[in-house]
Protein backbone atom coordinates (compact mmCIF):
# COMPACT_ATOMS: atom_id res chain seq x y z
CA MET A 1 -2.02 106.88 -49.15
CA VAL A 2 -0.76 109.09 -46.79
CA LEU A 3 -1.76 108.25 -43.06
CA THR A 4 -2.72 111.44 -40.82
CA THR A 5 -1.78 111.50 -37.07
CA ARG A 6 -5.58 110.20 -36.33
CA ASN A 7 -5.46 107.33 -38.18
CA LYS A 8 -2.30 106.70 -37.18
CA LEU A 9 -3.44 106.33 -33.53
CA LEU A 10 -6.66 104.75 -34.06
CA LEU A 11 -4.25 101.79 -36.17
CA LEU A 12 -2.27 101.50 -32.78
CA ILE A 13 -5.17 101.31 -30.74
CA GLY A 14 -7.41 98.90 -32.61
CA ALA A 15 -4.76 96.45 -33.61
CA PRO A 16 -3.67 95.01 -29.97
CA THR A 17 -7.62 94.79 -29.11
CA THR A 18 -8.26 92.74 -32.62
CA LEU A 19 -5.13 90.86 -31.58
CA LEU A 20 -6.43 89.90 -28.24
CA LEU A 21 -10.01 89.29 -28.96
CA GLY A 22 -8.74 86.50 -31.81
CA TYR A 23 -6.76 85.24 -28.87
CA TRP A 24 -9.85 84.66 -26.31
CA LEU A 25 -11.96 83.29 -29.35
CA LEU A 26 -8.76 80.69 -29.74
CA ARG A 27 -8.52 79.99 -26.12
CA GLY A 28 -12.53 79.31 -25.86
CA ALA A 29 -12.35 77.09 -28.42
CA ASP A 30 -9.66 75.02 -26.84
CA ASP A 31 -11.41 75.12 -23.84
CA GLU A 32 -14.38 73.68 -25.51
CA ASP A 33 -12.39 70.77 -27.03
CA ASP A 34 -10.56 70.00 -23.74
CA GLU A 35 -14.22 70.10 -22.18
CA GLU A 36 -15.39 67.41 -24.75
CA GLU A 37 -12.35 65.26 -24.28
CA GLU A 38 -12.94 65.28 -20.59
CA THR A 39 -16.48 64.58 -20.93
CA SER A 40 -15.77 61.96 -23.62
CA GLN A 41 -13.24 60.06 -20.92
CA LYS A 42 -15.64 60.15 -18.26
CA MET A 43 -18.22 58.83 -20.19
CA ALA A 44 -16.19 56.15 -21.41
CA THR A 45 -14.97 55.42 -17.83
CA SER A 46 -18.63 55.38 -16.54
CA ARG A 47 -19.53 52.49 -19.28
CA GLN A 48 -18.20 49.77 -17.38
CA THR A 49 -19.72 46.24 -18.63
CA VAL A 50 -20.80 43.53 -16.41
CA ILE A 51 -20.94 39.91 -17.51
CA ASP A 52 -21.71 36.54 -15.28
CA VAL A 53 -20.31 33.43 -16.55
CA LYS A 54 -21.51 30.15 -15.06
CA VAL A 55 -18.65 27.95 -13.73
CA PRO A 56 -19.14 24.11 -13.60
CA PRO A 57 -18.35 22.75 -10.17
CA LYS A 58 -15.39 20.28 -11.96
CA ALA A 59 -13.85 23.65 -13.40
CA VAL A 60 -14.51 25.92 -10.26
CA GLY A 61 -10.82 24.78 -8.86
CA ALA A 62 -9.08 25.23 -12.47
CA VAL A 63 -10.51 28.80 -12.77
CA ILE A 64 -9.48 29.78 -9.21
CA GLY A 65 -6.14 28.12 -9.28
CA ARG A 66 -3.48 27.12 -6.62
CA GLN A 67 -4.00 29.55 -3.85
CA GLY A 68 -6.13 31.81 -6.16
CA ALA A 69 -3.00 32.08 -9.11
CA MET A 70 -5.32 31.20 -11.86
CA ILE A 71 -7.84 34.31 -11.13
CA LYS A 72 -5.39 36.85 -10.26
CA GLU A 73 -3.64 36.01 -13.45
CA ILE A 74 -6.88 36.61 -15.06
CA GLN A 75 -7.49 40.18 -13.49
CA GLN A 76 -4.00 41.26 -14.15
CA LYS A 77 -3.94 40.06 -18.08
CA SER A 78 -7.40 41.60 -18.67
CA GLY A 79 -7.66 44.31 -16.27
CA ALA A 80 -11.12 43.55 -15.07
CA ARG A 81 -12.24 42.50 -11.81
CA VAL A 82 -13.42 38.88 -11.29
CA ASN A 83 -15.51 37.45 -8.22
CA PHE A 84 -17.41 34.36 -7.40
CA THR A 85 -20.80 35.21 -6.08
CA ASP A 86 -20.13 32.53 -3.54
CA ASN A 87 -17.48 30.79 -1.44
CA ASN A 88 -18.70 27.56 -1.59
CA ARG A 89 -16.05 26.08 -3.14
CA ASP A 90 -17.03 22.06 -2.70
CA SER A 91 -20.77 23.09 -3.96
CA GLN A 92 -22.12 20.21 -6.65
CA GLU A 93 -23.66 22.98 -8.41
CA GLU A 94 -22.71 25.57 -11.18
CA ARG A 95 -21.18 28.76 -9.48
CA GLY A 96 -21.62 32.05 -10.60
CA VAL A 97 -18.48 34.28 -11.53
CA VAL A 98 -19.22 38.14 -12.14
CA ILE A 99 -16.94 40.01 -14.63
CA ARG A 100 -16.66 43.90 -14.20
CA GLY A 101 -14.73 46.23 -16.29
CA THR A 102 -14.69 47.82 -19.73
CA PRO A 103 -16.05 46.09 -22.44
CA GLU A 104 -13.00 44.99 -23.98
CA ALA A 105 -11.58 44.19 -20.46
CA ALA A 106 -14.48 42.02 -19.56
CA GLN A 107 -14.59 40.30 -22.80
CA MET A 108 -11.19 39.33 -22.35
CA ALA A 109 -11.87 37.91 -19.19
CA GLU A 110 -14.73 35.84 -19.79
CA ASN A 111 -12.62 34.20 -22.83
CA MET A 112 -10.15 33.39 -20.68
CA ILE A 113 -12.55 31.84 -18.43
CA ARG A 114 -14.37 29.90 -20.78
CA LYS A 115 -11.09 28.51 -22.34
CA ILE A 116 -9.90 27.08 -18.90
CA ILE A 117 -13.43 25.42 -19.03
CA ALA A 118 -13.56 24.23 -22.32
CA GLU A 119 -9.69 22.84 -22.12
CA LEU A 120 -10.53 21.06 -18.57
CA PRO A 121 -9.73 17.18 -19.16
CA VAL A 122 -12.74 15.18 -19.22
CA ILE A 123 -12.82 12.62 -16.26
CA VAL A 124 -14.62 9.24 -16.87
CA THR A 125 -14.69 6.03 -15.02
CA GLU A 126 -13.95 2.54 -16.37
CA GLU A 127 -13.43 -0.86 -14.33
CA MET A 128 -10.94 -3.36 -14.94
CA VAL A 129 -11.63 -7.17 -14.10
CA VAL A 130 -8.82 -8.50 -12.20
CA PRO A 131 -8.26 -12.25 -10.66
CA GLY A 132 -9.15 -12.49 -7.11
CA LYS A 133 -5.69 -14.06 -6.38
CA CYS A 134 -3.81 -11.13 -7.62
CA LEU A 135 -5.62 -9.10 -5.16
CA GLY A 136 -3.04 -9.10 -2.34
CA ARG A 137 -0.21 -7.63 -5.13
CA ILE A 138 -2.31 -4.97 -6.60
CA ILE A 139 -3.32 -3.72 -3.22
CA GLY A 140 -0.03 -4.19 -1.20
CA ARG A 141 0.71 -4.09 2.22
CA ASN A 142 -1.64 -1.68 4.04
CA GLY A 143 -2.91 -0.57 0.72
CA GLU A 144 0.79 1.22 0.04
CA THR A 145 0.84 -0.42 -3.55
CA ILE A 146 -2.64 1.21 -4.67
CA ARG A 147 -1.88 4.22 -3.01
CA GLN A 148 1.34 4.51 -5.19
CA MET A 149 -0.55 3.61 -8.36
CA SER A 150 -2.94 6.34 -8.01
CA ARG A 151 -0.49 9.22 -6.99
CA THR A 152 1.47 8.02 -9.64
CA SER A 153 -1.19 7.75 -12.47
CA LYS A 154 -3.33 10.46 -11.17
CA ALA A 155 -6.15 8.40 -11.34
CA LYS A 156 -8.35 7.26 -8.62
CA VAL A 157 -8.18 3.47 -8.52
CA TYR A 158 -10.44 1.54 -5.95
CA VAL A 159 -10.96 -1.97 -5.11
CA ASP A 160 -14.33 -2.91 -3.34
CA ARG A 161 -13.00 -5.21 -0.26
CA SER A 162 -16.13 -5.47 1.82
CA ALA A 163 -17.14 -8.79 0.40
CA GLY A 164 -14.10 -10.36 2.27
CA ASP A 165 -13.85 -13.09 -0.69
CA TYR A 166 -10.95 -15.19 -0.38
CA ARG A 167 -11.36 -17.68 -3.56
CA GLU A 168 -9.82 -17.18 -6.86
CA SER A 169 -12.67 -15.19 -8.14
CA GLU A 170 -12.61 -12.30 -10.38
CA ARG A 171 -12.76 -8.98 -8.83
CA THR A 172 -13.62 -5.34 -10.10
CA VAL A 173 -11.26 -2.63 -9.84
CA THR A 174 -12.75 0.84 -10.66
CA ILE A 175 -10.23 3.58 -11.93
CA THR A 176 -11.33 7.27 -12.42
CA GLY A 177 -9.65 9.90 -14.31
CA THR A 178 -8.92 11.19 -17.76
CA LYS A 179 -8.33 8.45 -20.61
CA GLU A 180 -4.36 8.92 -20.12
CA ASN A 181 -4.33 8.68 -16.60
CA ILE A 182 -6.62 5.59 -16.44
CA GLU A 183 -4.54 3.86 -19.70
CA LEU A 184 -1.04 4.57 -17.39
CA ALA A 185 -3.40 3.04 -13.96
CA LYS A 186 -4.33 -0.29 -15.97
CA SER A 187 -1.01 -0.72 -17.03
CA MET A 188 0.37 -0.72 -13.74
CA ILE A 189 -2.30 -3.13 -12.44
CA GLN A 190 -1.82 -5.37 -15.36
CA GLU A 191 2.46 -5.36 -14.40
CA LYS A 192 1.45 -6.64 -10.96
CA ILE A 193 -1.25 -9.18 -12.56
CA ASP A 194 2.16 -10.44 -14.79
CA ASP A 195 3.95 -10.39 -11.64
CA GLU A 196 1.48 -12.48 -9.75
CA GLU A 197 1.26 -15.27 -12.82
CA LEU A 198 4.84 -15.54 -12.84
CA PHE A 199 5.15 -16.15 -9.24
CA ARG A 200 2.25 -18.79 -9.72
CA ALA A 201 3.97 -20.62 -12.38
CA LYS A 202 7.37 -20.25 -9.91
CA LYS A 203 5.33 -21.63 -7.14
CA ALA A 204 3.85 -24.67 -9.09
CA VAL A 205 7.69 -25.69 -9.76
CA MET A 206 8.52 -25.26 -6.38
CA GLU A 207 5.70 -27.43 -4.88
CA ALA A 208 6.38 -30.01 -7.59
CA ASN A 209 10.10 -29.97 -6.53
CA ARG A 210 9.45 -29.56 -3.00
CA GLU A 211 9.57 -32.90 -1.00
CA GLN A 212 6.92 -33.90 1.44
CA ARG A 213 8.74 -33.48 4.88
CA GLN A 214 8.04 -36.59 6.89
CA LYS A 215 6.65 -35.84 10.57
CA PRO A 216 9.17 -36.00 12.83
CA LYS A 217 9.44 -39.38 15.49
CA GLN A 218 7.17 -39.21 18.27
CA HIS A 219 9.78 -38.11 21.01
CA VAL A 220 10.73 -35.05 18.85
CA HIS A 221 7.17 -34.39 19.24
CA ASP A 222 7.14 -34.77 22.96
CA LYS A 223 9.98 -32.64 23.41
CA GLN A 224 9.04 -29.84 21.04
CA PHE A 225 6.23 -29.17 22.20
CA GLU A 226 5.81 -30.17 25.87
CA GLY A 227 7.98 -28.45 28.65
CA ARG A 228 10.05 -26.44 26.15
CA THR A 229 10.39 -23.49 28.17
CA ASP A 230 13.75 -21.94 26.79
CA MET A 231 12.02 -20.98 23.49
CA SER A 232 10.71 -17.80 24.81
CA SER A 233 14.44 -16.37 25.05
CA SER A 234 15.36 -17.35 21.46
CA ASN A 235 13.89 -16.08 17.80
CA HIS A 236 10.07 -16.16 18.93
CA ASP A 237 10.71 -13.29 21.52
CA GLN A 238 12.76 -11.30 19.49
CA ALA A 239 10.19 -11.77 16.81
CA ASN A 240 7.25 -10.95 18.97
CA GLY A 241 8.48 -8.20 20.91
CA GLY A 242 9.79 -10.11 23.85
CA PRO A 243 13.22 -10.16 25.75
CA GLU A 244 16.47 -10.77 23.97
CA SER A 245 18.15 -13.93 24.60
CA THR A 246 20.67 -13.61 27.74
CA GLU A 247 22.35 -16.85 26.42
CA SER A 248 23.54 -15.55 23.33
CA GLN A 249 25.07 -12.42 21.77
CA GLN A 250 24.26 -13.85 18.25
CA VAL A 251 21.88 -11.25 16.35
CA HIS A 252 19.73 -13.20 13.63
CA PRO A 253 16.75 -12.50 11.63
CA ALA A 254 13.41 -12.14 13.08
CA VAL A 255 10.65 -14.42 12.42
CA ARG A 256 8.36 -13.10 9.47
CA GLY A 257 5.38 -11.00 11.12
CA TRP A 258 1.96 -11.66 10.08
CA PRO A 259 0.71 -8.97 7.25
CA GLU A 260 -1.54 -6.51 8.52
CA GLY A 261 -4.46 -4.81 6.61
CA ARG A 262 -5.30 -7.84 4.74
CA ASP A 263 -8.57 -10.29 5.27
CA TYR A 264 -7.62 -14.06 4.05
CA ILE A 265 -4.25 -14.73 2.82
CA GLU A 266 -2.46 -17.65 1.47
CA VAL A 267 -0.37 -20.26 3.70
CA TYR A 268 1.31 -23.67 3.77
CA VAL A 269 0.80 -25.72 7.26
CA SER A 270 4.51 -26.68 7.75
CA ALA A 271 4.54 -28.39 11.00
CA VAL A 272 2.15 -29.39 13.46
CA ALA A 273 2.46 -30.25 17.19
CA ASN A 274 -1.51 -29.77 17.57
CA PRO A 275 -4.03 -27.76 16.66
CA GLY A 276 -3.63 -25.29 19.23
CA LEU A 277 0.18 -25.16 18.50
CA PHE A 278 1.29 -25.12 14.87
CA TRP A 279 3.36 -23.32 12.01
CA VAL A 280 2.68 -21.81 8.87
CA GLN A 281 4.57 -20.14 5.61
CA ILE A 282 3.22 -17.27 4.20
CA LEU A 283 2.85 -17.89 0.42
CA SER A 284 4.65 -15.16 -1.35
CA SER A 285 7.81 -14.15 -3.26
CA MET A 286 9.93 -15.25 0.29
CA SER A 287 8.47 -18.84 -0.55
CA VAL A 288 10.83 -19.01 -3.56
CA GLU A 289 13.58 -17.20 -2.09
CA LEU A 290 13.39 -19.89 0.84
CA ASP A 291 13.79 -22.56 -1.66
CA ASN A 292 16.77 -21.17 -3.40
CA LEU A 293 18.34 -20.40 -0.17
CA VAL A 294 17.76 -23.86 0.85
CA ASP A 295 19.11 -25.11 -2.32
CA ARG A 296 22.35 -22.72 -1.66
CA ILE A 297 22.97 -23.94 1.79
CA THR A 298 22.78 -27.47 0.87
CA SER A 299 25.04 -26.92 -2.24
CA PHE A 300 27.71 -25.35 0.29
CA TYR A 301 27.25 -27.76 2.97
CA THR A 302 27.36 -30.95 0.99
CA THR A 303 30.27 -29.64 -1.63
CA GLU A 304 32.73 -27.38 0.34
CA MET A 305 35.77 -28.20 2.29
CA LEU A 306 33.91 -27.54 5.82
CA GLN A 307 36.83 -27.86 8.21
CA GLY A 308 36.63 -24.16 9.13
CA TYR A 309 32.85 -24.53 9.66
CA ASN A 310 32.73 -27.10 12.83
CA VAL A 311 31.28 -25.92 15.93
CA SER A 312 31.96 -26.29 19.24
CA ASN A 313 30.43 -24.64 23.01
CA LEU A 314 27.19 -24.05 21.45
CA VAL A 315 24.58 -22.35 23.37
CA ALA A 316 20.61 -22.25 23.54
CA GLY A 317 20.01 -19.20 20.68
CA ASP A 318 22.90 -19.71 18.02
CA LEU A 319 22.00 -20.43 14.54
CA VAL A 320 23.67 -23.42 12.62
CA ALA A 321 23.36 -25.13 9.22
CA ALA A 322 21.76 -28.33 9.56
CA PRO A 323 20.23 -31.68 7.76
CA PHE A 324 16.77 -32.77 8.67
CA GLU A 325 16.38 -36.44 9.78
CA ASN A 326 14.08 -37.51 6.84
CA ASP A 327 15.45 -36.00 3.84
CA THR A 328 19.36 -34.85 2.38
CA SER A 329 18.93 -30.91 2.39
CA TRP A 330 20.61 -28.95 4.86
CA TYR A 331 18.48 -26.18 6.54
CA ARG A 332 18.86 -23.17 8.92
CA ALA A 333 18.08 -24.40 12.67
CA LYS A 334 18.28 -22.98 16.15
CA VAL A 335 19.79 -24.18 19.26
CA MET A 336 17.25 -24.71 21.69
CA GLY A 337 19.10 -26.68 24.15
CA VAL A 338 21.95 -28.60 24.32
CA GLU A 339 22.51 -31.89 26.63
CA GLY A 340 25.75 -33.45 26.54
CA ASP A 341 27.05 -33.92 22.77
CA THR A 342 23.49 -33.95 21.66
CA LEU A 343 21.68 -30.54 20.10
CA ASP A 344 17.67 -30.00 20.51
CA LEU A 345 16.90 -27.97 17.33
CA LEU A 346 14.42 -25.76 15.88
CA TYR A 347 14.04 -25.66 12.03
CA VAL A 348 13.32 -21.88 11.74
CA ASP A 349 11.92 -21.86 8.27
CA TYR A 350 9.54 -24.75 8.75
CA GLY A 351 8.83 -25.06 12.62
CA ASP A 352 10.05 -28.87 12.35
CA SER A 353 12.04 -29.91 15.60
CA GLY A 354 14.76 -32.54 16.17
CA TYR A 355 17.70 -33.86 17.48
CA LEU A 356 21.52 -34.10 16.32
CA PRO A 357 24.82 -34.53 17.46
CA CYS A 358 27.01 -31.61 17.91
CA ASN A 359 29.32 -32.75 14.72
CA LYS A 360 26.57 -33.21 12.46
CA VAL A 361 25.89 -29.22 12.40
CA ARG A 362 28.01 -26.49 10.93
CA ARG A 363 28.70 -22.99 11.61
CA MET A 364 25.87 -20.69 9.74
CA ARG A 365 27.42 -18.53 7.03
CA SER A 366 26.24 -14.81 7.39
CA GLU A 367 25.29 -14.69 3.87
CA PHE A 368 22.43 -17.24 4.29
CA GLU A 369 21.11 -15.41 7.57
CA ALA A 370 19.68 -12.15 5.60
CA LEU A 371 15.95 -14.03 4.93
CA PRO A 372 13.56 -13.78 7.89
CA PHE A 373 12.76 -16.96 9.44
CA GLN A 374 9.74 -18.32 7.32
CA ALA A 375 7.82 -20.73 10.06
CA ILE A 376 5.26 -18.51 12.12
CA GLU A 377 4.19 -20.20 15.12
CA CYS A 378 -0.10 -20.04 14.97
CA HIS A 379 -3.14 -21.29 17.04
CA LEU A 380 -6.38 -22.52 15.55
CA ALA A 381 -9.43 -19.64 16.35
CA HIS A 382 -12.70 -21.23 17.95
CA ILE A 383 -12.15 -24.69 19.18
CA LYS A 384 -10.37 -26.66 22.23
CA PRO A 385 -9.54 -30.26 22.81
CA VAL A 386 -12.51 -32.41 23.89
CA GLY A 387 -10.54 -33.40 27.00
CA ASP A 388 -7.75 -31.61 28.95
CA THR A 389 -5.33 -32.31 25.98
CA TRP A 390 -5.37 -32.78 22.43
CA SER A 391 -5.54 -36.82 21.44
CA GLU A 392 -3.06 -38.21 18.99
CA ASP A 393 -6.05 -38.77 17.09
CA SER A 394 -7.18 -35.21 17.04
CA ILE A 395 -3.54 -33.90 15.56
CA GLU A 396 -3.24 -36.76 13.19
CA VAL A 397 -7.02 -35.30 11.77
CA PHE A 398 -5.43 -31.90 12.22
CA ASP A 399 -2.42 -32.97 10.40
CA GLU A 400 -4.62 -34.49 7.52
CA LEU A 401 -7.27 -31.56 7.07
CA THR A 402 -3.93 -28.72 6.89
CA TYR A 403 -1.79 -30.93 4.42
CA ALA A 404 0.92 -30.23 7.03
CA ALA A 405 4.42 -30.15 4.92
CA LYS A 406 2.67 -31.11 1.90
CA TRP A 407 2.88 -27.63 0.57
CA LYS A 408 -1.02 -27.32 -0.49
CA VAL A 409 -2.34 -23.92 -0.14
CA LEU A 410 -4.71 -22.86 2.80
CA MET A 411 -6.56 -19.72 3.20
CA ALA A 412 -5.62 -17.95 6.65
CA LYS A 413 -7.48 -15.18 8.21
CA LYS A 414 -6.20 -13.71 11.67
CA ILE A 415 -8.72 -13.47 14.19
CA ASN A 416 -7.06 -12.52 17.26
CA HIS A 417 -3.63 -12.89 18.97
CA ARG A 418 -2.72 -14.65 22.07
CA GLN A 419 0.10 -13.93 24.61
CA THR A 420 2.17 -17.16 25.18
CA SER A 421 5.58 -18.13 26.89
CA MET A 422 6.92 -18.00 23.37
CA GLY A 423 5.67 -14.40 22.75
CA ILE A 424 2.69 -13.12 20.81
CA VAL A 425 1.14 -15.54 18.49
CA PRO A 426 -1.63 -15.03 15.93
CA VAL A 427 -5.10 -17.16 16.02
CA LEU A 428 -6.11 -18.23 12.92
CA GLU A 429 -9.26 -19.08 11.25
CA LEU A 430 -7.97 -21.79 8.23
CA MET A 431 -10.16 -22.74 5.12
CA ASP A 432 -8.95 -25.32 2.61
CA THR A 433 -10.43 -24.34 -0.84
CA ASN A 434 -8.79 -26.63 -3.00
CA THR A 435 -12.12 -28.86 -3.34
CA ASP A 436 -15.21 -27.63 -4.99
CA GLN A 437 -16.87 -27.28 -0.79
CA ASP A 438 -15.04 -25.14 0.90
CA VAL A 439 -13.78 -26.66 4.40
CA ASN A 440 -13.75 -24.63 7.68
CA ILE A 441 -10.80 -26.76 9.60
CA ALA A 442 -12.36 -25.85 12.67
CA GLN A 443 -15.78 -26.26 11.89
CA GLU A 444 -14.96 -29.64 10.72
CA MET A 445 -12.83 -30.58 13.69
CA VAL A 446 -15.82 -29.98 15.62
CA LYS A 447 -18.08 -31.92 13.35
CA ARG A 448 -15.79 -35.18 13.64
CA GLY A 449 -15.79 -35.28 17.12
CA TYR A 450 -12.30 -34.24 17.80
CA ALA A 451 -12.74 -30.72 19.15
CA VAL A 452 -15.40 -28.29 21.00
CA TRP A 453 -16.06 -24.82 20.45
CA ASP A 454 -14.29 -22.55 22.71
CA GLU A 455 -17.27 -20.34 24.06
CA SER A 456 -14.79 -17.76 25.91
CA GLU A 457 -13.31 -17.39 22.55
CA MET A 458 -16.12 -17.27 20.50
CA PHE A 459 -17.16 -14.14 22.02
CA ASP A 460 -14.16 -11.86 22.51
């Protein structure tokens, strides 16, 4: 077929028009697809899911995390927004959490929160019965031991001390935490109980082996407790915050301090002048250390060649090794005064006093000075003498009631303290619990007519 000129012209004009029309039709279809996709995206974005989750009070901290770290992590991983409906973190009621996001993001955030709640450790409370005699070792000085147990085990360990029961009765320790925390805390408490039982066994041996020290001769009492003013310039002042001795430049151990933060504690009365002036040793591991120290001192000064340990030119405040007039052991003693060749000595671990010639004592080795002096000077609370001074009979009765130097335990409670020429000394209430009926020593002294109540002190 032969195209005429007219047909050719029509063909040339029609082809572009057809192409243009096709382009318009294709472009219109693409635009519709784009609009549908944009509309779909807008619909998906607008389909936000809101989920409410109730969080138990014990789980709030875990969901929030330290400084909000956990809740930030949940939002970052899930892409959802997570907010508590209130800011009362200490509330004891369930707290609401609102989660906003796409269905997938909100669901992921909810799952993460519910997993935290489900995996939260179960907190329980258990009670452990312990012997009352172990309470001091479990609690520790100013409660430090029991606080350390709580920190290490991550369990709350609580002992009710309000009763103030000083007897060797059983006491209840309350422990709160996870099972693992509680088991660790119980094992730490049991370790302290075992330590106390071991100490008690050693104490029994110690008391059986300790000689009952005889009361010094009367003239020693008179010198020791009447008119001795130079004692304030020796170990008592140094132990109680007073001025240091100007007579001696030696530095010696301080007298053991009275434990703070405890109610009744176990003591031995080691020496007695009168109810207004006596010495106690606190029953503790240091009691065993003291016995070991006396054994070492005695062994050294009775078996070694001691030419180099002779002393001369002693002055008040010097520490020496000295025997005691009524037994064969050697002890630590402080020179309280010098009269010619005779030394006035205070046995710093017991409170006894005595006289010895200079050639009977020896220079103290430094290795024997580490242990604090164990004799603590004390006063009995609430009473005073019937007359101006304590009678010999009242001193004998007090000596008997306190088992002085017989190494029988009394319970002592610090009521107050008193400033004396010898420093600040504790004022004690003493209880004898060795029999079925407890005996308050002060009440017994008054009951027997050897003392009267000190009203000025009763109402301090």
